[in-house]
Structures are given as structure tokens and as C-alpha cells.
């Protein structure tokens, strides 16, 4: 889905920030951005990350902490591409899990995205063109009785609201929906999994093109196609 009035962000020479950039899909995104010519990528983690490529700037960041997010925005004031990838999956049953177990999924997956958007919106606004990509899930549209998909549905709604709120400043907000990727988060699941590098390629294509929504695999495309069927059936 692409709005003809939006424009993408050139990757070559750009500065990006990827939350959760040292594991799984985040690591694949960092690699893809560098392969496509990004000049600098801030890669974040909750603990001190290891040194690596000189174009990668390690940054300690906890998206569930206001102070940590504010500090990251002070450091990374040249960002034109923000990738909200950090997320947690705790498999919490909606009726029986203690709220203290459910709360981290919302703090990270939903409020973490909003915190990052609020902190970096003024930074993105200063750029000639800018983009935010939020990593969502096919579970944004499926209910299986767990806190994770509730948080992802709320993150989808937040993404739509952020897209509208940031439109006038020229920041394109892209929703990346994907089913299972071969990452630590899905290590215990016996299901077909996509290669994170292939999903990262689609995500960076979307940033360059100004695409508003990416349905990254057959499962995701089919589930979304069934939404109207389920509502009217």
C-alpha cells in the first residue's frame, strides 16, 4: 500500500536507528541498511553491545524507560530513518496471567513504539525526508488468548495514528506485518519460518519507496484478506 502523495527516503548516505539491532530481525535490518549504503546505523540493545562495523554506532536503550529513550534521542540527533523493532513475547494467557507478566508486552511493544516516536519526531522533522518503520505481526489481526497479540493489535492502531500525526512533517510511517521469522523469539516453535534477511530486504524497499504497509509473506497476506470475510461471514 503506497500513498501517491508520499515519498520515500533514500538509503544511500542516510542515518538510521534500529531498536533491538543486535539480534534476530533487528540485526538483519542493520545489515540490509548498510548493504544499501546507509552512512551510519545506531543499533540498540538493553545492555552494552559488542563492537563491530565502524558504521554501526552501539547504543544502550530500553524502550520501556522514558529516561533511556530521551538519552538516546540526545545522542542520535541525526536520524532520518527510525526502525521500531524491539519487542517481547511472553506467551501470557489473557485471563490467568498476573498483570505484572502481561504489562511488559504492552510497555515494550506499544508504549515503547510511542515513546520512540515522541522522542524522535522532532529529529525526523528536521530531515529533508524521513521514515519510521514499525515491526508488527500477523497476530495484529488474530486472537489466540495471549497478551502478545493484544499488544500487537494496539501497536497496529498506534502505527496508524502516528502515520496521521507525522504526515504533515513529511515522515512516512510504514507498518511491517510478518508471520514467523527464524529468530530467537520463535526458536521453540515448530512452524515454517521466513528468513529475516528476506524480510529486511522488503522492509528497506518499503522505506525507499514510501510504502505505508508491507505484508511480508503468504500467511500475512492471506490473513489480512480474510478480515472482511470474518466480519461479514
Protein backbone atom coordinates (compact mmCIF):
# COMPACT_ATOMS: atom_id res chain seq x y z
CA UNK A 1 0.00 0.00 0.00
CA UNK A 2 1.57 3.29 -1.13
CA UNK A 3 0.12 6.78 -0.87
CA UNK A 4 0.88 8.56 -4.17
CA UNK A 5 1.48 11.79 -2.22
CA UNK A 6 4.23 10.29 -0.05
CA UNK A 7 7.86 9.96 -0.96
CA UNK A 8 10.40 7.50 0.26
CA UNK A 9 13.74 8.06 1.93
CA UNK A 10 16.97 7.39 0.03
CA UNK A 11 19.02 4.81 1.91
CA UNK A 12 22.40 5.78 0.48
CA UNK A 13 24.06 8.22 2.84
CA UNK A 14 21.22 8.09 5.38
CA UNK A 15 21.48 7.70 9.15
CA UNK A 16 19.18 5.14 10.75
CA UNK A 17 18.38 3.83 14.21
CA UNK A 18 17.22 0.23 14.75
CA UNK A 19 15.95 -0.78 18.17
CA UNK A 20 16.89 -4.29 19.13
CA UNK A 21 19.56 -4.08 16.45
CA UNK A 22 21.86 -6.84 17.65
CA UNK A 23 19.54 -9.83 17.46
CA UNK A 24 17.18 -11.50 15.04
CA UNK A 25 15.34 -9.25 12.65
CA UNK A 26 16.99 -6.12 14.04
CA UNK A 27 20.42 -7.46 13.12
CA UNK A 28 19.15 -8.30 9.63
CA UNK A 29 17.80 -4.75 9.25
CA UNK A 30 21.11 -3.22 10.29
CA UNK A 31 22.95 -5.38 7.74
CA UNK A 32 20.48 -4.56 4.94
CA UNK A 33 20.66 -0.82 5.59
CA UNK A 34 24.45 -0.94 5.48
CA UNK A 35 24.44 -3.05 2.33
CA UNK A 36 22.22 -0.45 0.68
CA UNK A 37 24.61 2.39 1.52
CA UNK A 38 23.49 3.83 4.85
CA UNK A 39 26.27 6.02 6.23
CA UNK A 40 25.54 5.27 9.89
CA UNK A 41 23.22 2.96 11.82
CA UNK A 42 22.61 3.27 15.54
CA UNK A 43 21.96 -0.28 16.75
CA UNK A 44 20.43 -0.51 20.21
CA UNK A 45 20.23 -3.12 22.94
CA UNK A 46 19.39 -3.09 26.64
CA UNK A 47 22.96 -3.97 27.60
CA UNK A 48 26.32 -2.82 26.27
CA UNK A 49 26.56 -4.24 22.73
CA UNK A 50 29.76 -5.63 21.21
CA UNK A 51 31.93 -3.57 18.83
CA UNK A 52 31.57 -4.25 15.12
CA UNK A 53 31.38 -2.43 11.79
CA UNK A 54 32.63 1.13 12.14
CA UNK A 55 29.43 2.44 10.56
CA UNK A 56 27.40 0.85 13.39
CA UNK A 57 27.07 3.00 16.49
CA UNK A 58 26.20 0.87 19.53
CA UNK A 59 23.62 2.45 21.80
CA UNK A 60 22.23 1.18 25.10
CA UNK A 61 18.47 1.71 25.05
CA UNK A 62 15.46 0.38 26.93
CA UNK A 63 12.33 1.50 25.06
CA UNK A 64 10.21 0.92 28.17
CA UNK A 65 12.13 3.61 30.08
CA UNK A 66 11.42 7.31 29.47
CA UNK A 67 14.87 8.45 30.54
CA UNK A 68 16.64 5.90 28.38
CA UNK A 69 14.66 6.94 25.30
CA UNK A 70 15.32 10.63 25.96
CA UNK A 71 19.04 9.96 26.33
CA UNK A 72 19.10 8.04 23.03
CA UNK A 73 17.44 10.95 21.25
CA UNK A 74 20.14 13.27 22.57
CA UNK A 75 22.85 11.03 21.12
CA UNK A 76 21.19 10.14 17.81
CA UNK A 77 20.11 13.58 16.69
CA UNK A 78 20.91 13.00 13.01
CA UNK A 79 18.50 10.13 12.33
CA UNK A 80 16.29 10.17 9.23
CA UNK A 81 15.13 6.53 9.48
CA UNK A 82 13.73 5.04 12.69
CA UNK A 83 13.03 1.31 12.89
CA UNK A 84 10.93 0.32 15.91
CA UNK A 85 11.85 -3.34 16.11
CA UNK A 86 12.29 -4.02 19.85
CA UNK A 87 9.59 -6.33 21.16
CA UNK A 88 8.87 -9.00 23.74
CA UNK A 89 6.81 -12.18 23.53
CA UNK A 90 5.93 -13.70 26.91
CA UNK A 91 3.07 -16.03 25.93
CA UNK A 92 0.85 -14.66 28.68
CA UNK A 93 -2.73 -16.07 28.86
CA UNK A 94 -5.19 -13.20 28.94
CA UNK A 95 -7.42 -14.49 31.76
CA UNK A 96 -4.92 -16.09 34.11
CA UNK A 97 -1.52 -14.40 33.78
CA UNK A 98 -0.62 -11.89 36.52
CA UNK A 99 -0.78 -8.32 35.24
CA UNK A 100 2.90 -7.96 36.11
CA UNK A 101 3.57 -10.59 33.43
CA UNK A 102 1.30 -9.03 30.81
CA UNK A 103 2.43 -5.45 31.39
CA UNK A 104 5.93 -5.75 29.84
CA UNK A 105 4.43 -6.73 26.47
CA UNK A 106 2.44 -3.50 26.39
CA UNK A 107 5.25 -1.39 27.83
CA UNK A 108 7.67 -2.55 25.14
CA UNK A 109 5.53 -3.35 22.11
CA UNK A 110 3.04 -0.47 22.33
CA UNK A 111 4.28 2.25 24.65
CA UNK A 112 7.86 1.68 23.56
CA UNK A 113 6.89 2.48 19.98
CA UNK A 114 5.04 5.60 21.11
CA UNK A 115 7.93 6.72 23.33
CA UNK A 116 10.37 6.41 20.46
CA UNK A 117 8.01 8.24 18.10
CA UNK A 118 7.56 11.13 20.53
CA UNK A 119 11.27 11.46 21.22
CA UNK A 120 12.39 11.22 17.61
CA UNK A 121 9.58 13.09 15.84
CA UNK A 122 11.38 16.46 16.14
CA UNK A 123 14.60 14.87 14.87
CA UNK A 124 12.86 13.30 11.88
CA UNK A 125 11.11 16.59 11.16
CA UNK A 126 14.47 18.31 10.62
CA UNK A 127 15.41 15.98 7.79
CA UNK A 128 14.57 16.65 4.11
CA UNK A 129 12.78 13.29 4.12
CA UNK A 130 12.27 10.80 6.92
CA UNK A 131 10.71 7.45 7.70
CA UNK A 132 9.56 5.33 10.60
CA UNK A 133 9.09 1.59 10.21
CA UNK A 134 7.21 -0.30 12.94
CA UNK A 135 7.67 -4.06 13.10
CA UNK A 136 4.23 -5.55 13.72
CA UNK A 137 2.85 -9.07 13.28
CA UNK A 138 0.21 -11.15 11.57
CA UNK A 139 -1.09 -11.52 15.14
CA UNK A 140 -2.23 -7.91 14.95
CA UNK A 141 -5.33 -9.46 13.33
CA UNK A 142 -5.62 -12.79 15.17
CA UNK A 143 -6.82 -13.53 18.71
CA UNK A 144 -5.43 -16.64 20.37
CA UNK A 145 -5.92 -15.64 24.00
CA UNK A 146 -2.50 -14.19 24.72
CA UNK A 147 -1.21 -10.78 25.73
CA UNK A 148 1.20 -10.63 22.81
CA UNK A 149 -1.40 -10.34 20.07
CA UNK A 150 -3.36 -7.80 22.13
CA UNK A 151 -0.23 -5.67 22.32
CA UNK A 152 0.42 -6.09 18.59
CA UNK A 153 -3.15 -5.08 17.73
CA UNK A 154 -2.68 -1.98 19.88
CA UNK A 155 0.67 -1.31 18.20
CA UNK A 156 -1.01 -1.51 14.79
CA UNK A 157 -3.57 1.07 15.92
CA UNK A 158 -0.78 3.26 17.32
CA UNK A 159 1.07 2.98 14.00
CA UNK A 160 -1.98 4.20 12.09
CA UNK A 161 -2.36 7.14 14.49
CA UNK A 162 1.34 8.00 14.27
CA UNK A 163 1.15 7.93 10.48
CA UNK A 164 -1.57 10.56 10.56
CA UNK A 165 0.16 12.64 13.25
CA UNK A 166 3.52 12.72 11.43
CA UNK A 167 2.23 13.15 7.89
CA UNK A 168 2.38 16.94 7.87
CA UNK A 169 6.06 16.96 8.85
CA UNK A 170 6.86 14.63 5.95
CA UNK A 171 7.65 11.48 7.94
CA UNK A 172 6.32 8.34 6.25
CA UNK A 173 5.23 5.68 8.76
CA UNK A 174 5.32 2.10 7.48
CA UNK A 175 3.72 -0.94 9.12
CA UNK A 176 5.61 -4.20 8.55
CA UNK A 177 3.38 -7.22 9.15
CA UNK A 178 5.02 -10.64 9.17
CA UNK A 179 4.18 -14.11 10.47
CA UNK A 180 7.01 -16.29 11.79
CA UNK A 181 10.65 -15.36 11.26
CA UNK A 182 13.62 -17.53 12.11
CA UNK A 183 14.72 -15.62 15.22
CA UNK A 184 15.25 -16.30 18.93
CA UNK A 185 11.62 -15.33 19.59
CA UNK A 186 10.33 -18.30 17.54
CA UNK A 187 13.09 -20.77 18.40
CA UNK A 188 10.73 -23.13 20.23
CA UNK A 189 8.01 -23.17 17.57
CA UNK A 190 7.78 -25.97 15.02
CA UNK A 191 6.40 -23.86 12.16
CA UNK A 192 7.54 -22.60 8.80
CA UNK A 193 9.72 -19.54 9.32
CA UNK A 194 10.85 -16.79 6.98
CA UNK A 195 14.48 -15.76 6.60
CA UNK A 196 14.85 -12.40 8.43
CA UNK A 197 17.23 -11.21 5.71
CA UNK A 198 14.49 -11.54 3.07
CA UNK A 199 12.01 -9.68 5.27
CA UNK A 200 14.60 -6.96 5.89
CA UNK A 201 15.02 -6.54 2.15
CA UNK A 202 11.29 -5.94 1.76
CA UNK A 203 11.31 -3.52 4.68
CA UNK A 204 14.14 -1.40 3.26
CA UNK A 205 12.47 -1.46 -0.18
CA UNK A 206 9.37 -0.05 1.51
CA UNK A 207 11.33 2.74 3.21
CA UNK A 208 12.86 3.74 -0.12
CA UNK A 209 9.51 3.63 -1.92
CA UNK A 210 7.42 5.34 0.76
CA UNK A 211 5.18 2.28 1.13
CA UNK A 212 2.73 2.53 4.02
CA UNK A 213 2.15 -1.18 4.64
CA UNK A 214 4.15 -4.33 3.95
CA UNK A 215 2.53 -7.77 4.08
CA UNK A 216 5.74 -9.73 4.07
CA UNK A 217 4.66 -13.34 3.49
CA UNK A 218 1.86 -15.53 2.18
CA UNK A 219 0.42 -16.19 5.65
CA UNK A 220 0.15 -12.50 6.44
CA UNK A 221 -1.37 -11.66 3.06
CA UNK A 222 -3.97 -14.42 3.43
CA UNK A 223 -4.94 -13.50 6.99
CA UNK A 224 -5.46 -9.86 6.10
CA UNK A 225 -7.51 -10.84 3.05
CA UNK A 226 -9.86 -12.72 5.37
CA UNK A 227 -10.60 -9.83 7.72
CA UNK A 228 -13.64 -8.60 5.81
CA UNK A 229 -14.79 -12.22 5.32
CA UNK A 230 -14.68 -12.81 9.07
CA UNK A 231 -16.50 -9.59 9.81
CA UNK A 232 -19.33 -10.22 7.38
CA UNK A 233 -19.47 -14.03 7.41
